Amino acid sequence: MANAEPWLSVEEIAAHLGVSKESVYRWLEKGRIPAHRVGKLWKFKTTEVDEWVRSGGAQSISGAPYT
């Protein structure tokens, strides 16, 4: 299981996407970004978030990206 994908924190997924933590929290509040609750913390799988971005999930209704 050495090749298991790590769980990322809000800070790490924000850095991965090149956005602010506030953007990630906004997406979480709206239930938009794929995330998993572990106790009080939010955790993310890079592959799930990358697929969400590719499918257009990171864009607003108007088509402008959140930042």
PDB file of N, CA and C in Angstrom:
ATOM      1  N   MET A   1       0.815  -1.187   0.000  1.00  0.00           N
ATOM      2  CA  MET A   1       0.000   0.000   0.000  1.00  0.00           C
ATOM      3  C   MET A   1       0.867   1.263   0.000  1.00  0.00           C
ATOM      4  N   ALA A   2       2.134   1.108  -0.357  1.00  0.00           N
ATOM      5  CA  ALA A   2       3.064   2.228  -0.376  1.00  0.00           C
ATOM      6  C   ALA A   2       2.709   3.242  -1.457  1.00  0.00           C
ATOM      7  N   ASN A   3       1.977   2.836  -2.476  1.00  0.00           N
ATOM      8  CA  ASN A   3       1.625   3.737  -3.568  1.00  0.00           C
ATOM      9  C   ASN A   3       0.251   4.369  -3.393  1.00  0.00           C
ATOM     10  N   ALA A   4      -0.314   4.276  -2.208  1.00  0.00           N
ATOM     11  CA  ALA A   4      -1.639   4.842  -1.966  1.00  0.00           C
ATOM     12  C   ALA A   4      -1.587   6.363  -2.103  1.00  0.00           C
ATOM     13  N   GLU A   5      -2.613   6.917  -2.708  1.00  0.00           N
ATOM     14  CA  GLU A   5      -2.689   8.364  -2.889  1.00  0.00           C
ATOM     15  C   GLU A   5      -2.898   9.037  -1.538  1.00  0.00           C
ATOM     16  N   PRO A   6      -2.104  10.053  -1.228  1.00  0.00           N
ATOM     17  CA  PRO A   6      -2.259  10.712   0.079  1.00  0.00           C
ATOM     18  C   PRO A   6      -3.491  11.610   0.121  1.00  0.00           C
ATOM     19  N   TRP A   7      -3.986  11.821   1.327  1.00  0.00           N
ATOM     20  CA  TRP A   7      -5.066  12.774   1.552  1.00  0.00           C
ATOM     21  C   TRP A   7      -4.433  14.145   1.728  1.00  0.00           C
ATOM     22  N   LEU A   8      -5.008  15.164   1.074  1.00  0.00           N
ATOM     23  CA  LEU A   8      -4.480  16.517   1.182  1.00  0.00           C
ATOM     24  C   LEU A   8      -5.394  17.380   2.045  1.00  0.00           C
ATOM     25  N   SER A   9      -4.794  18.360   2.707  1.00  0.00           N
ATOM     26  CA  SER A   9      -5.545  19.317   3.534  1.00  0.00           C
ATOM     27  C   SER A   9      -6.073  20.445   2.655  1.00  0.00           C
ATOM     28  N   VAL A  10      -6.847  21.337   3.249  1.00  0.00           N
ATOM     29  CA  VAL A  10      -7.354  22.511   2.539  1.00  0.00           C
ATOM     30  C   VAL A  10      -6.177  23.326   1.991  1.00  0.00           C
ATOM     31  N   GLU A  11      -5.172  23.544   2.817  1.00  0.00           N
ATOM     32  CA  GLU A  11      -4.012  24.326   2.397  1.00  0.00           C
ATOM     33  C   GLU A  11      -3.292  23.662   1.228  1.00  0.00           C
ATOM     34  N   GLU A  12      -3.122  22.350   1.307  1.00  0.00           N
ATOM     35  CA  GLU A  12      -2.410  21.629   0.253  1.00  0.00           C
ATOM     36  C   GLU A  12      -3.189  21.597  -1.055  1.00  0.00           C
ATOM     37  N   ILE A  13      -4.512  21.407  -1.000  1.00  0.00           N
ATOM     38  CA  ILE A  13      -5.297  21.357  -2.233  1.00  0.00           C
ATOM     39  C   ILE A  13      -5.381  22.754  -2.842  1.00  0.00           C
ATOM     40  N   ALA A  14      -5.423  23.799  -2.008  1.00  0.00           N
ATOM     41  CA  ALA A  14      -5.404  25.169  -2.529  1.00  0.00           C
ATOM     42  C   ALA A  14      -4.099  25.427  -3.270  1.00  0.00           C
ATOM     43  N   ALA A  15      -2.979  25.010  -2.695  1.00  0.00           N
ATOM     44  CA  ALA A  15      -1.681  25.180  -3.350  1.00  0.00           C
ATOM     45  C   ALA A  15      -1.626  24.370  -4.651  1.00  0.00           C
ATOM     46  N   HIS A  16      -2.149  23.158  -4.625  1.00  0.00           N
ATOM     47  CA  HIS A  16      -2.174  22.300  -5.818  1.00  0.00           C
ATOM     48  C   HIS A  16      -2.943  22.975  -6.950  1.00  0.00           C
ATOM     49  N   LEU A  17      -4.056  23.618  -6.615  1.00  0.00           N
ATOM     50  CA  LEU A  17      -4.895  24.266  -7.622  1.00  0.00           C
ATOM     51  C   LEU A  17      -4.443  25.688  -7.945  1.00  0.00           C
ATOM     52  N   GLY A  18      -3.591  26.253  -7.100  1.00  0.00           N
ATOM     53  CA  GLY A  18      -3.148  27.624  -7.311  1.00  0.00           C
ATOM     54  C   GLY A  18      -4.215  28.647  -6.985  1.00  0.00           C
ATOM     55  N   VAL A  19      -5.038  28.337  -5.967  1.00  0.00           N
ATOM     56  CA  VAL A  19      -6.097  29.249  -5.524  1.00  0.00           C
ATOM     57  C   VAL A  19      -5.920  29.501  -4.028  1.00  0.00           C
ATOM     58  N   SER A  20      -6.697  30.431  -3.502  1.00  0.00           N
ATOM     59  CA  SER A  20      -6.634  30.723  -2.070  1.00  0.00           C
ATOM     60  C   SER A  20      -7.413  29.676  -1.265  1.00  0.00           C
ATOM     61  N   LYS A  21      -7.079  29.596   0.021  1.00  0.00           N
ATOM     62  CA  LYS A  21      -7.837  28.723   0.921  1.00  0.00           C
ATOM     63  C   LYS A  21      -9.287  29.165   0.983  1.00  0.00           C
ATOM     64  N   GLU A  22      -9.514  30.469   0.882  1.00  0.00           N
ATOM     65  CA  GLU A  22     -10.875  30.999   0.936  1.00  0.00           C
ATOM     66  C   GLU A  22     -11.720  30.457  -0.218  1.00  0.00           C
ATOM     67  N   SER A  23     -11.124  30.314  -1.397  1.00  0.00           N
ATOM     68  CA  SER A  23     -11.843  29.732  -2.543  1.00  0.00           C
ATOM     69  C   SER A  23     -12.250  28.302  -2.245  1.00  0.00           C
ATOM     70  N   VAL A  24     -11.336  27.538  -1.657  1.00  0.00           N
ATOM     71  CA  VAL A  24     -11.636  26.143  -1.318  1.00  0.00           C
ATOM     72  C   VAL A  24     -12.765  26.093  -0.296  1.00  0.00           C
ATOM     73  N   TYR A  25     -12.708  26.946   0.728  1.00  0.00           N
ATOM     74  CA  TYR A  25     -13.773  26.964   1.730  1.00  0.00           C
ATOM     75  C   TYR A  25     -15.109  27.377   1.121  1.00  0.00           C
ATOM     76  N   ARG A  26     -15.085  28.302   0.159  1.00  0.00           N
ATOM     77  CA  ARG A  26     -16.320  28.708  -0.529  1.00  0.00           C
ATOM     78  C   ARG A  26     -16.921  27.522  -1.281  1.00  0.00           C
ATOM     79  N   TRP A  27     -16.077  26.779  -1.989  1.00  0.00           N
ATOM     80  CA  TRP A  27     -16.554  25.593  -2.712  1.00  0.00           C
ATOM     81  C   TRP A  27     -17.118  24.560  -1.734  1.00  0.00           C
ATOM     82  N   LEU A  28     -16.462  24.409  -0.577  1.00  0.00           N
ATOM     83  CA  LEU A  28     -16.951  23.467   0.443  1.00  0.00           C
ATOM     84  C   LEU A  28     -18.326  23.891   0.958  1.00  0.00           C
ATOM     85  N   GLU A  29     -18.503  25.175   1.241  1.00  0.00           N
ATOM     86  CA  GLU A  29     -19.787  25.679   1.741  1.00  0.00           C
ATOM     87  C   GLU A  29     -20.912  25.404   0.762  1.00  0.00           C
ATOM     88  N   LYS A  30     -20.606  25.470  -0.531  1.00  0.00           N
ATOM     89  CA  LYS A  30     -21.619  25.255  -1.561  1.00  0.00           C
ATOM     90  C   LYS A  30     -21.735  23.784  -1.956  1.00  0.00           C
ATOM     91  N   GLY A  31     -20.903  22.921  -1.342  1.00  0.00           N
ATOM     92  CA  GLY A  31     -20.953  21.494  -1.654  1.00  0.00           C
ATOM     93  C   GLY A  31     -20.492  21.177  -3.063  1.00  0.00           C
ATOM     94  N   ARG A  32     -19.607  21.992  -3.598  1.00  0.00           N
ATOM     95  CA  ARG A  32     -19.192  21.842  -4.989  1.00  0.00           C
ATOM     96  C   ARG A  32     -17.963  20.966  -5.164  1.00  0.00           C
ATOM     97  N   ILE A  33     -16.973  21.102  -4.314  1.00  0.00           N
ATOM     98  CA  ILE A  33     -15.702  20.402  -4.500  1.00  0.00           C
ATOM     99  C   ILE A  33     -15.770  19.023  -3.843  1.00  0.00           C
ATOM    100  N   PRO A  34     -15.230  17.999  -4.499  1.00  0.00           N
ATOM    101  CA  PRO A  34     -15.238  16.672  -3.868  1.00  0.00           C
ATOM    102  C   PRO A  34     -14.304  16.651  -2.656  1.00  0.00           C
ATOM    103  N   ALA A  35     -14.872  16.371  -1.502  1.00  0.00           N
ATOM    104  CA  ALA A  35     -14.118  16.399  -0.250  1.00  0.00           C
ATOM    105  C   ALA A  35     -14.681  15.360   0.706  1.00  0.00           C
ATOM    106  N   HIS A  36     -13.881  15.023   1.689  1.00  0.00           N
ATOM    107  CA  HIS A  36     -14.262  14.034   2.697  1.00  0.00           C
ATOM    108  C   HIS A  36     -13.981  14.629   4.064  1.00  0.00           C
ATOM    109  N   ARG A  37     -14.929  14.494   4.963  1.00  0.00           N
ATOM    110  CA  ARG A  37     -14.771  15.002   6.324  1.00  0.00           C
ATOM    111  C   ARG A  37     -14.112  13.925   7.171  1.00  0.00           C
ATOM    112  N   VAL A  38     -13.022  14.287   7.845  1.00  0.00           N
ATOM    113  CA  VAL A  38     -12.326  13.384   8.761  1.00  0.00           C
ATOM    114  C   VAL A  38     -12.260  14.117  10.093  1.00  0.00           C
ATOM    115  N   GLY A  39     -13.188  13.774  10.980  1.00  0.00           N
ATOM    116  CA  GLY A  39     -13.303  14.528  12.226  1.00  0.00           C
ATOM    117  C   GLY A  39     -13.725  15.951  11.911  1.00  0.00           C
ATOM    118  N   LYS A  40     -12.931  16.915  12.347  1.00  0.00           N
ATOM    119  CA  LYS A  40     -13.215  18.329  12.070  1.00  0.00           C
ATOM    120  C   LYS A  40     -12.533  18.813  10.799  1.00  0.00           C
ATOM    121  N   LEU A  41     -11.716  17.975  10.184  1.00  0.00           N
ATOM    122  CA  LEU A  41     -10.907  18.389   9.043  1.00  0.00           C
ATOM    123  C   LEU A  41     -11.520  17.971   7.719  1.00  0.00           C
ATOM    124  N   TRP A  42     -11.272  18.750   6.684  1.00  0.00           N
ATOM    125  CA  TRP A  42     -11.629  18.389   5.314  1.00  0.00           C
ATOM    126  C   TRP A  42     -10.394  17.810   4.657  1.00  0.00           C
ATOM    127  N   LYS A  43     -10.565  16.708   3.944  1.00  0.00           N
ATOM    128  CA  LYS A  43      -9.465  16.063   3.230  1.00  0.00           C
ATOM    129  C   LYS A  43      -9.870  15.835   1.778  1.00  0.00           C
ATOM    130  N   PHE A  44      -8.882  15.822   0.910  1.00  0.00           N
ATOM    131  CA  PHE A  44      -9.118  15.742  -0.527  1.00  0.00           C
ATOM    132  C   PHE A  44      -8.192  14.729  -1.167  1.00  0.00           C
ATOM    133  N   LYS A  45      -8.669  14.080  -2.222  1.00  0.00           N
ATOM    134  CA  LYS A  45      -7.855  13.222  -3.077  1.00  0.00           C
ATOM    135  C   LYS A  45      -7.571  14.019  -4.343  1.00  0.00           C
ATOM    136  N   THR A  46      -6.311  14.133  -4.695  1.00  0.00           N
ATOM    137  CA  THR A  46      -5.913  14.922  -5.857  1.00  0.00           C
ATOM    138  C   THR A  46      -6.615  14.450  -7.119  1.00  0.00           C
ATOM    139  N   THR A  47      -6.731  13.149  -7.307  1.00  0.00           N
ATOM    140  CA  THR A  47      -7.357  12.640  -8.529  1.00  0.00           C
ATOM    141  C   THR A  47      -8.820  13.059  -8.621  1.00  0.00           C
ATOM    142  N   GLU A  48      -9.545  13.052  -7.508  1.00  0.00           N
ATOM    143  CA  GLU A  48     -10.953  13.466  -7.509  1.00  0.00           C
ATOM    144  C   GLU A  48     -11.084  14.956  -7.828  1.00  0.00           C
ATOM    145  N   VAL A  49     -10.235  15.767  -7.221  1.00  0.00           N
ATOM    146  CA  VAL A  49     -10.307  17.211  -7.437  1.00  0.00           C
ATOM    147  C   VAL A  49      -9.880  17.552  -8.867  1.00  0.00           C
ATOM    148  N   ASP A  50      -8.845  16.897  -9.369  1.00  0.00           N
ATOM    149  CA  ASP A  50      -8.409  17.145 -10.748  1.00  0.00           C
ATOM    150  C   ASP A  50      -9.510  16.803 -11.746  1.00  0.00           C
ATOM    151  N   GLU A  51     -10.214  15.712 -11.526  1.00  0.00           N
ATOM    152  CA  GLU A  51     -11.327  15.336 -12.407  1.00  0.00           C
ATOM    153  C   GLU A  51     -12.452  16.358 -12.311  1.00  0.00           C
ATOM    154  N   TRP A  52     -12.726  16.843 -11.108  1.00  0.00           N
ATOM    155  CA  TRP A  52     -13.745  17.866 -10.897  1.00  0.00           C
ATOM    156  C   TRP A  52     -13.404  19.134 -11.673  1.00  0.00           C
ATOM    157  N   VAL A  53     -12.132  19.538 -11.637  1.00  0.00           N
ATOM    158  CA  VAL A  53     -11.697  20.721 -12.387  1.00  0.00           C
ATOM    159  C   VAL A  53     -11.858  20.484 -13.885  1.00  0.00           C
ATOM    160  N   ARG A  54     -11.401  19.321 -14.367  1.00  0.00           N
ATOM    161  CA  ARG A  54     -11.493  19.010 -15.805  1.00  0.00           C
ATOM    162  C   ARG A  54     -12.935  18.992 -16.286  1.00  0.00           C
ATOM    163  N   SER A  55     -13.861  18.606 -15.434  1.00  0.00           N
ATOM    164  CA  SER A  55     -15.266  18.534 -15.833  1.00  0.00           C
ATOM    165  C   SER A  55     -15.969  19.888 -15.718  1.00  0.00           C
ATOM    166  N   GLY A  56     -15.238  20.933 -15.318  1.00  0.00           N
ATOM    167  CA  GLY A  56     -15.812  22.265 -15.237  1.00  0.00           C
ATOM    168  C   GLY A  56     -16.364  22.630 -13.880  1.00  0.00           C
ATOM    169  N   GLY A  57     -16.147  21.828 -12.886  1.00  0.00           N
ATOM    170  CA  GLY A  57     -16.702  22.080 -11.560  1.00  0.00           C
ATOM    171  C   GLY A  57     -16.167  23.310 -10.864  1.00  0.00           C
ATOM    172  N   ALA A  58     -14.996  23.783 -11.260  1.00  0.00           N
ATOM    173  CA  ALA A  58     -14.394  24.934 -10.595  1.00  0.00           C
ATOM    174  C   ALA A  58     -14.884  26.249 -11.172  1.00  0.00           C
ATOM    175  N   GLN A  59     -15.781  26.196 -12.143  1.00  0.00           N
ATOM    176  CA  GLN A  59     -16.304  27.428 -12.737  1.00  0.00           C
ATOM    177  C   GLN A  59     -17.626  27.805 -12.087  1.00  0.00           C
ATOM    178  N   SER A  60     -17.890  29.095 -12.059  1.00  0.00           N
ATOM    179  CA  SER A  60     -19.168  29.572 -11.544  1.00  0.00           C
ATOM    180  C   SER A  60     -20.244  29.369 -12.594  1.00  0.00           C
ATOM    181  N   ILE A  61     -21.473  29.628 -12.239  1.00  0.00           N
ATOM    182  CA  ILE A  61     -22.600  29.488 -13.169  1.00  0.00           C
ATOM    183  C   ILE A  61     -22.401  30.374 -14.379  1.00  0.00           C
ATOM    184  N   SER A  62     -21.811  31.555 -14.180  1.00  0.00           N
ATOM    185  CA  SER A  62     -21.601  32.482 -15.293  1.00  0.00           C
ATOM    186  C   SER A  62     -20.439  32.071 -16.173  1.00  0.00           C
ATOM    187  N   GLY A  63     -19.674  31.053 -15.750  1.00  0.00           N
ATOM    188  CA  GLY A  63     -18.549  30.586 -16.538  1.00  0.00           C
ATOM    189  C   GLY A  63     -17.223  31.170 -16.096  1.00  0.00           C
ATOM    190  N   ALA A  64     -17.239  32.157 -15.217  1.00  0.00           N
ATOM    191  CA  ALA A  64     -16.000  32.734 -14.720  1.00  0.00           C
ATOM    192  C   ALA A  64     -15.469  31.879 -13.572  1.00  0.00           C
ATOM    193  N   PRO A  65     -14.186  31.583 -13.552  1.00  0.00           N
ATOM    194  CA  PRO A  65     -13.650  30.756 -12.483  1.00  0.00           C
ATOM    195  C   PRO A  65     -13.639  31.486 -11.146  1.00  0.00           C
ATOM    196  N   TYR A  66     -13.791  30.731 -10.066  1.00  0.00           N
ATOM    197  CA  TYR A  66     -13.646  31.284  -8.719  1.00  0.00           C
ATOM    198  C   TYR A  66     -12.178  31.445  -8.439  1.00  0.00           C
ATOM    199  N   THR A  67     -11.815  32.481  -7.774  1.00  0.00           N
ATOM    200  CA  THR A  67     -10.432  32.638  -7.322  1.00  0.00           C
ATOM    201  C   THR A  67     -10.404  33.295  -5.970  1.00  0.00           C
TER     202      THR A  67
END
